[in-house]
Amino acid sequence: MLFELAEESTGTQQLLGLAIFTSHDAALLGSIDTEEILHRDEIWLILHHENCTRYLENAKRARDHLRRLVEGWDKTKLAFAGFRDGVDTATAYARALGEPPDANPSTAIWRLVEELRDPR
């Protein structure tokens, strides 16, 4: 998950930096028969751009899908600018998907976003 860290100061926001959080269901780490398994952060990024509710077989399919949605997307050069405006949208879409690991696709990163925004 990408999250912008900002500080409110005299009515203006000052960018402090970017934080990247990732969360994986331990059952999904690694590979099965040399095929990389789908990771929850790839779903989170897709949801910034569309309401993806279809089954995604593996990480390669998710990456291919992200490349269609975000021109020049590369998981090793993740740019927050391509996702900043979609955080609220992704949160709403992710919440509606169902709970991991039962739902595919699914992600629980939206819970972290809400907690960071309103820690109570």
C-alpha atoms as a PDB file:
ATOM      1  CA  MET A   1       0.000   0.000   0.000  1.00  0.00           C
ATOM      2  CA  LEU A   2       1.203   3.457  -0.753  1.00  0.00           C
ATOM      3  CA  PHE A   3       0.489   6.136   1.777  1.00  0.00           C
ATOM      4  CA  GLU A   4       1.522   9.755   1.709  1.00  0.00           C
ATOM      5  CA  LEU A   5       2.806  11.094   5.023  1.00  0.00           C
ATOM      6  CA  ALA A   6       2.004  14.753   5.514  1.00  0.00           C
ATOM      7  CA  GLU A   7       2.034  17.179   8.388  1.00  0.00           C
ATOM      8  CA  GLU A   8      -0.518  19.955   8.809  1.00  0.00           C
ATOM      9  CA  SER A   9       1.345  23.151   9.546  1.00  0.00           C
ATOM     10  CA  THR A  10      -0.176  26.636   9.662  1.00  0.00           C
ATOM     11  CA  GLY A  11      -2.975  25.705   7.304  1.00  0.00           C
ATOM     12  CA  THR A  12      -0.768  24.029   4.690  1.00  0.00           C
ATOM     13  CA  GLN A  13       0.294  20.443   4.293  1.00  0.00           C
ATOM     14  CA  GLN A  14       3.960  19.641   4.115  1.00  0.00           C
ATOM     15  CA  LEU A  15       4.905  16.352   2.471  1.00  0.00           C
ATOM     16  CA  LEU A  16       7.072  14.359   4.862  1.00  0.00           C
ATOM     17  CA  GLY A  17       7.547  11.342   2.649  1.00  0.00           C
ATOM     18  CA  LEU A  18       5.891   8.248   1.313  1.00  0.00           C
ATOM     19  CA  ALA A  19       5.390   4.986   3.122  1.00  0.00           C
ATOM     20  CA  ILE A  20       4.886   1.672   1.388  1.00  0.00           C
ATOM     21  CA  PHE A  21       3.130  -1.061   3.307  1.00  0.00           C
ATOM     22  CA  THR A  22       2.541  -4.518   2.011  1.00  0.00           C
ATOM     23  CA  SER A  23       0.586  -7.366   3.477  1.00  0.00           C
ATOM     24  CA  HIS A  24       0.562 -10.962   2.385  1.00  0.00           C
ATOM     25  CA  ASP A  25      -1.398 -13.946   3.511  1.00  0.00           C
ATOM     26  CA  ALA A  26       1.367 -16.382   4.463  1.00  0.00           C
ATOM     27  CA  ALA A  27      -0.420 -19.104   2.490  1.00  0.00           C
ATOM     28  CA  LEU A  28       0.084 -17.066  -0.685  1.00  0.00           C
ATOM     29  CA  LEU A  29       3.808 -16.420  -0.401  1.00  0.00           C
ATOM     30  CA  GLY A  30       6.193 -18.238  -2.676  1.00  0.00           C
ATOM     31  CA  SER A  31       5.216 -20.380  -5.621  1.00  0.00           C
ATOM     32  CA  ILE A  32       3.394 -23.552  -6.540  1.00  0.00           C
ATOM     33  CA  ASP A  33       4.912 -25.648  -9.292  1.00  0.00           C
ATOM     34  CA  THR A  34       7.174 -22.685 -10.231  1.00  0.00           C
ATOM     35  CA  GLU A  35       4.178 -20.351 -10.735  1.00  0.00           C
ATOM     36  CA  GLU A  36       4.213 -17.220  -8.586  1.00  0.00           C
ATOM     37  CA  ILE A  37       1.097 -16.960  -6.466  1.00  0.00           C
ATOM     38  CA  LEU A  38      -1.069 -13.846  -6.446  1.00  0.00           C
ATOM     39  CA  HIS A  39      -0.188 -11.326  -3.768  1.00  0.00           C
ATOM     40  CA  ARG A  40      -2.680  -9.036  -2.056  1.00  0.00           C
ATOM     41  CA  ASP A  41      -0.787  -5.807  -2.782  1.00  0.00           C
ATOM     42  CA  GLU A  42      -1.222  -6.320  -6.528  1.00  0.00           C
ATOM     43  CA  ILE A  43      -4.985  -6.409  -6.052  1.00  0.00           C
ATOM     44  CA  TRP A  44      -4.768  -3.270  -3.914  1.00  0.00           C
ATOM     45  CA  LEU A  45      -3.013  -1.398  -6.717  1.00  0.00           C
ATOM     46  CA  ILE A  46      -5.499  -2.578  -9.354  1.00  0.00           C
ATOM     47  CA  LEU A  47      -8.370  -1.323  -7.190  1.00  0.00           C
ATOM     48  CA  HIS A  48      -6.973   2.206  -7.395  1.00  0.00           C
ATOM     49  CA  HIS A  49      -7.956   2.199 -11.070  1.00  0.00           C
ATOM     50  CA  GLU A  50     -10.952  -0.119 -11.398  1.00  0.00           C
ATOM     51  CA  ASN A  51     -13.370  -2.291  -9.470  1.00  0.00           C
ATOM     52  CA  CYS A  52     -11.764  -5.640 -10.236  1.00  0.00           C
ATOM     53  CA  THR A  53     -14.041  -8.430  -9.036  1.00  0.00           C
ATOM     54  CA  ARG A  54     -12.957 -11.173 -11.427  1.00  0.00           C
ATOM     55  CA  TYR A  55     -10.815 -14.103 -10.348  1.00  0.00           C
ATOM     56  CA  LEU A  56      -7.100 -13.525 -10.921  1.00  0.00           C
ATOM     57  CA  GLU A  57      -5.219 -16.789 -11.298  1.00  0.00           C
ATOM     58  CA  ASN A  58      -1.735 -15.641 -10.327  1.00  0.00           C
ATOM     59  CA  ALA A  59       0.674 -12.735  -9.878  1.00  0.00           C
ATOM     60  CA  LYS A  60       1.609 -12.641 -13.564  1.00  0.00           C
ATOM     61  CA  ARG A  61      -2.021 -12.029 -14.542  1.00  0.00           C
ATOM     62  CA  ALA A  62      -2.294  -9.270 -11.939  1.00  0.00           C
ATOM     63  CA  ARG A  63       0.927  -7.615 -13.163  1.00  0.00           C
ATOM     64  CA  ASP A  64      -0.241  -7.831 -16.782  1.00  0.00           C
ATOM     65  CA  HIS A  65      -3.534  -6.261 -15.739  1.00  0.00           C
ATOM     66  CA  LEU A  66      -1.723  -3.441 -13.899  1.00  0.00           C
ATOM     67  CA  ARG A  67       0.375  -2.751 -16.991  1.00  0.00           C
ATOM     68  CA  ARG A  68      -2.830  -2.263 -18.984  1.00  0.00           C
ATOM     69  CA  LEU A  69      -4.183   0.140 -16.352  1.00  0.00           C
ATOM     70  CA  VAL A  70      -1.002   2.116 -15.581  1.00  0.00           C
ATOM     71  CA  GLU A  71       1.276   2.986 -18.460  1.00  0.00           C
ATOM     72  CA  GLY A  72       4.880   2.088 -17.661  1.00  0.00           C
ATOM     73  CA  TRP A  73       3.978   0.251 -14.433  1.00  0.00           C
ATOM     74  CA  ASP A  74       6.905  -1.654 -12.961  1.00  0.00           C
ATOM     75  CA  LYS A  75       6.738  -3.237  -9.516  1.00  0.00           C
ATOM     76  CA  THR A  76      10.392  -2.336  -8.876  1.00  0.00           C
ATOM     77  CA  LYS A  77       9.743   1.370  -9.567  1.00  0.00           C
ATOM     78  CA  LEU A  78       6.454   1.995  -7.838  1.00  0.00           C
ATOM     79  CA  ALA A  79       5.441   5.646  -8.207  1.00  0.00           C
ATOM     80  CA  PHE A  80       2.873   6.955  -5.734  1.00  0.00           C
ATOM     81  CA  ALA A  81       1.664   9.579  -8.227  1.00  0.00           C
ATOM     82  CA  GLY A  82      -0.012   6.868 -10.305  1.00  0.00           C
ATOM     83  CA  PHE A  83      -2.089   5.750  -7.314  1.00  0.00           C
ATOM     84  CA  ARG A  84      -2.531   8.822  -5.061  1.00  0.00           C
ATOM     85  CA  ASP A  85      -5.923   9.861  -6.405  1.00  0.00           C
ATOM     86  CA  GLY A  86      -7.344   6.339  -6.138  1.00  0.00           C
ATOM     87  CA  VAL A  87      -6.834   5.582  -2.433  1.00  0.00           C
ATOM     88  CA  ASP A  88     -10.451   6.350  -1.460  1.00  0.00           C
ATOM     89  CA  THR A  89     -11.758   4.418  -4.459  1.00  0.00           C
ATOM     90  CA  ALA A  90      -9.510   1.436  -3.719  1.00  0.00           C
ATOM     91  CA  THR A  91     -10.620   1.452  -0.090  1.00  0.00           C
ATOM     92  CA  ALA A  92     -14.297   1.319  -1.064  1.00  0.00           C
ATOM     93  CA  TYR A  93     -13.765  -1.384  -3.712  1.00  0.00           C
ATOM     94  CA  ALA A  94     -11.573  -3.506  -1.396  1.00  0.00           C
ATOM     95  CA  ARG A  95     -14.068  -3.324   1.455  1.00  0.00           C
ATOM     96  CA  ALA A  96     -16.798  -4.680  -0.849  1.00  0.00           C
ATOM     97  CA  LEU A  97     -14.748  -7.649  -2.137  1.00  0.00           C
ATOM     98  CA  GLY A  98     -14.932  -9.894   0.900  1.00  0.00           C
ATOM     99  CA  GLU A  99     -12.441 -11.145   3.411  1.00  0.00           C
ATOM    100  CA  PRO A 100      -9.072 -12.651   2.533  1.00  0.00           C
ATOM    101  CA  PRO A 101      -8.143 -15.398   2.057  1.00  0.00           C
ATOM    102  CA  ASP A 102     -11.645 -16.682   1.197  1.00  0.00           C
ATOM    103  CA  ALA A 103     -12.449 -14.155  -1.531  1.00  0.00           C
ATOM    104  CA  ASN A 104     -10.439 -13.919  -4.750  1.00  0.00           C
ATOM    105  CA  PRO A 105      -9.672 -11.198  -5.367  1.00  0.00           C
ATOM    106  CA  SER A 106      -9.436  -9.657  -1.922  1.00  0.00           C
ATOM    107  CA  THR A 107      -7.206  -7.477   0.206  1.00  0.00           C
ATOM    108  CA  ALA A 108      -7.332  -6.152   3.740  1.00  0.00           C
ATOM    109  CA  ILE A 109      -5.022  -3.194   3.123  1.00  0.00           C
ATOM    110  CA  TRP A 110      -8.080  -0.912   3.271  1.00  0.00           C
ATOM    111  CA  ARG A 111      -8.205  -1.626   7.018  1.00  0.00           C
ATOM    112  CA  LEU A 112      -4.715  -0.183   7.461  1.00  0.00           C
ATOM    113  CA  VAL A 113      -5.634   2.915   5.454  1.00  0.00           C
ATOM    114  CA  GLU A 114      -8.675   3.539   7.640  1.00  0.00           C
ATOM    115  CA  GLU A 115      -6.707   2.962  10.822  1.00  0.00           C
ATOM    116  CA  LEU A 116      -3.980   5.397   9.748  1.00  0.00           C
ATOM    117  CA  ARG A 117      -6.585   8.013   8.877  1.00  0.00           C
ATOM    118  CA  ASP A 118      -8.608   7.605  12.084  1.00  0.00           C
ATOM    119  CA  PRO A 119      -6.674   5.809  14.816  1.00  0.00           C
ATOM    120  CA  ARG A 120      -9.464   6.556  17.340  1.00  0.00           C
END
